[in-house]
Amino acid sequence: MAKPLRNKQRSLPLELRRKQLDLQPVDHFVGYHIRKAQLVVYEDFMTGQRSAPPITPGQFTVLLLIDENPDISQQLLCERMAVDKSTMAVSLHRMSRRGLIRRDRSPEDRRQNGLRLTARGRTVLRAMLRYVEQHERRITSKLSARECKQLIGLLNRVG
């Protein structure tokens, strides 16, 4: 059931009332605030990149994890990142087409591919690491180091 308009809002012309939005009904939902923050973080991440097309946060994570875990299988990467196999397959295909990663057949199990960065992938990752450091400074500029650590801890407890 919709809440009646407050007296202050009721006195506004209809045009202005339509432009205003009462966020009070969603203000207590944690998911709403996480999603709102995610949109701000994503927009900041994508803005200002020199890479064309830009690297998405998910692609950056994949590049970083492949670099840290050479020859990781696509299946294990999906499991560790909690990403759907078909979503990961599309992302890996795009990165492969861009020359960022390569798939090498596993000598132990010919049905699996080990993932590795190409030379171009390592170059892009190094540039992205510098970019992400700046991005992290921007999005956490209103938080202390202690608050950042606390936020990460709380988010890890949620998901």
Protein backbone atom coordinates (compact mmCIF):
# COMPACT_ATOMS: atom_id res chain seq x y z
CA MET A 1 0.00 0.00 0.00
CA ALA A 2 1.40 3.37 -1.02
CA LYS A 3 2.12 5.91 1.69
CA PRO A 4 0.19 9.16 1.50
CA LEU A 5 2.27 12.12 0.38
CA ARG A 6 3.67 14.25 3.15
CA ASN A 7 2.10 17.70 3.47
CA LYS A 8 5.26 19.34 2.17
CA GLN A 9 5.24 17.17 -0.95
CA ARG A 10 1.49 17.56 -1.48
CA SER A 11 1.88 21.33 -1.64
CA LEU A 12 4.34 21.06 -4.55
CA PRO A 13 3.06 21.30 -8.11
CA LEU A 14 2.40 17.89 -9.70
CA GLU A 15 5.37 18.29 -12.10
CA LEU A 16 7.82 18.77 -9.22
CA ARG A 17 6.28 15.90 -7.23
CA ARG A 18 6.87 13.58 -10.19
CA LYS A 19 10.55 14.61 -10.38
CA GLN A 20 11.13 13.84 -6.70
CA LEU A 21 11.50 10.30 -5.50
CA ASP A 22 11.07 9.19 -1.92
CA LEU A 23 13.82 6.63 -1.29
CA GLN A 24 12.69 5.95 2.26
CA PRO A 25 10.97 2.65 1.33
CA VAL A 26 14.30 1.15 0.13
CA ASP A 27 16.64 2.89 2.56
CA HIS A 28 16.74 -0.05 5.00
CA PHE A 29 17.59 -2.68 2.36
CA VAL A 30 21.27 -3.69 2.44
CA GLY A 31 21.03 -5.04 -1.11
CA TYR A 32 19.86 -1.65 -2.39
CA HIS A 33 22.89 0.11 -0.89
CA ILE A 34 25.31 -2.56 -2.14
CA ARG A 35 23.87 -2.27 -5.66
CA LYS A 36 23.97 1.54 -5.54
CA ALA A 37 27.62 1.44 -4.43
CA GLN A 38 28.41 -1.16 -7.11
CA LEU A 39 27.03 1.13 -9.81
CA VAL A 40 29.21 4.02 -8.59
CA VAL A 41 32.29 1.80 -8.39
CA TYR A 42 31.65 0.31 -11.85
CA GLU A 43 31.14 3.73 -13.44
CA ASP A 44 34.37 5.02 -11.92
CA PHE A 45 36.25 1.89 -13.02
CA MET A 46 35.11 2.19 -16.63
CA THR A 47 35.61 5.96 -16.92
CA GLY A 48 39.04 7.19 -17.94
CA GLN A 49 40.55 3.93 -19.14
CA ARG A 50 42.88 4.20 -22.09
CA SER A 51 42.21 0.64 -23.20
CA ALA A 52 39.92 0.35 -26.22
CA PRO A 53 37.62 -1.42 -25.70
CA PRO A 54 37.93 -0.91 -21.96
CA ILE A 55 38.70 -3.76 -19.58
CA THR A 56 35.74 -4.56 -17.32
CA PRO A 57 36.20 -5.21 -13.59
CA GLY A 58 35.46 -8.90 -14.24
CA GLN A 59 38.04 -9.11 -17.02
CA PHE A 60 40.61 -7.39 -14.81
CA THR A 61 39.98 -9.97 -12.08
CA VAL A 62 40.32 -12.82 -14.59
CA LEU A 63 43.61 -11.42 -15.93
CA LEU A 64 44.98 -10.98 -12.42
CA LEU A 65 43.97 -14.48 -11.31
CA ILE A 66 45.34 -16.13 -14.45
CA ASP A 67 48.61 -14.25 -13.98
CA GLU A 68 48.85 -15.39 -10.35
CA ASN A 69 47.75 -18.95 -11.21
CA PRO A 70 49.24 -19.87 -14.61
CA ASP A 71 47.63 -22.89 -16.27
CA ILE A 72 44.50 -22.64 -14.10
CA SER A 73 41.60 -24.46 -15.72
CA GLN A 74 38.52 -22.60 -16.87
CA GLN A 75 36.42 -24.77 -14.56
CA LEU A 76 38.49 -23.95 -11.47
CA LEU A 77 38.47 -20.25 -12.36
CA CYS A 78 34.66 -20.36 -12.60
CA GLU A 79 34.39 -22.09 -9.24
CA ARG A 80 36.76 -19.72 -7.44
CA MET A 81 35.13 -16.60 -8.91
CA ALA A 82 31.58 -17.98 -8.48
CA VAL A 83 30.84 -17.22 -12.14
CA ASP A 84 28.59 -19.20 -14.45
CA LYS A 85 30.51 -21.38 -16.96
CA SER A 86 28.82 -19.86 -20.02
CA THR A 87 29.48 -16.31 -18.79
CA MET A 88 33.12 -17.17 -18.21
CA ALA A 89 33.40 -18.84 -21.62
CA VAL A 90 32.16 -15.67 -23.36
CA SER A 91 34.55 -13.49 -21.35
CA LEU A 92 37.53 -15.75 -22.02
CA HIS A 93 36.67 -15.89 -25.72
CA ARG A 94 36.64 -12.07 -25.89
CA MET A 95 39.97 -11.82 -24.06
CA SER A 96 41.47 -14.49 -26.29
CA ARG A 97 40.27 -12.67 -29.41
CA ARG A 98 41.90 -9.49 -28.06
CA GLY A 99 45.18 -11.36 -27.64
CA LEU A 100 45.20 -11.07 -23.83
CA ILE A 101 45.08 -14.75 -22.92
CA ARG A 102 45.80 -18.10 -24.49
CA ARG A 103 44.45 -21.56 -23.83
CA ASP A 104 46.95 -24.42 -23.74
CA ARG A 105 45.83 -28.06 -23.70
CA SER A 106 46.62 -29.71 -20.39
CA PRO A 107 49.17 -32.50 -20.86
CA GLU A 108 47.53 -34.40 -17.96
CA ASP A 109 43.92 -34.07 -19.17
CA ARG A 110 43.47 -33.33 -22.89
CA ARG A 111 39.85 -32.27 -22.21
CA GLN A 112 40.99 -29.25 -20.22
CA ASN A 113 42.79 -26.07 -21.16
CA GLY A 114 45.23 -24.24 -18.95
CA LEU A 115 44.88 -20.46 -19.12
CA ARG A 116 47.87 -18.13 -19.47
CA LEU A 117 48.40 -14.47 -20.20
CA THR A 118 50.02 -13.51 -23.46
CA ALA A 119 52.77 -10.89 -23.54
CA ARG A 120 50.08 -8.37 -24.51
CA GLY A 121 47.92 -9.57 -21.62
CA ARG A 122 50.76 -9.00 -19.15
CA THR A 123 51.32 -5.49 -20.54
CA VAL A 124 47.61 -4.67 -20.25
CA LEU A 125 47.50 -6.12 -16.73
CA ARG A 126 50.46 -3.99 -15.59
CA ALA A 127 48.76 -0.86 -16.92
CA MET A 128 45.47 -1.91 -15.34
CA LEU A 129 47.12 -2.49 -11.96
CA ARG A 130 48.29 1.13 -11.95
CA TYR A 131 44.84 2.27 -13.07
CA VAL A 132 43.07 0.16 -10.41
CA GLU A 133 45.30 1.59 -7.67
CA GLN A 134 44.11 5.09 -8.66
CA HIS A 135 40.52 3.84 -8.91
CA GLU A 136 40.71 2.32 -5.41
CA ARG A 137 42.06 5.61 -4.01
CA ARG A 138 39.16 7.50 -5.62
CA ILE A 139 36.39 5.20 -4.43
CA THR A 140 37.75 4.94 -0.88
CA SER A 141 38.75 8.59 -0.51
CA LYS A 142 36.00 9.21 2.07
CA LEU A 143 37.01 6.18 4.17
CA SER A 144 39.89 5.68 6.55
CA ALA A 145 42.20 2.66 6.15
CA ARG A 146 40.42 1.07 9.12
CA GLU A 147 37.00 1.68 7.55
CA CYS A 148 38.17 0.16 4.24
CA LYS A 149 39.35 -2.96 6.04
CA GLN A 150 36.09 -3.12 7.99
CA LEU A 151 34.02 -2.70 4.82
CA ILE A 152 35.89 -5.51 3.08
CA GLY A 153 35.37 -7.73 6.12
CA LEU A 154 31.64 -6.97 6.24
CA LEU A 155 31.19 -7.58 2.52
CA ASN A 156 33.05 -10.89 2.81
CA ARG A 157 30.61 -11.93 5.52
CA VAL A 158 27.66 -11.10 3.24
CA GLY A 159 29.02 -12.94 0.22
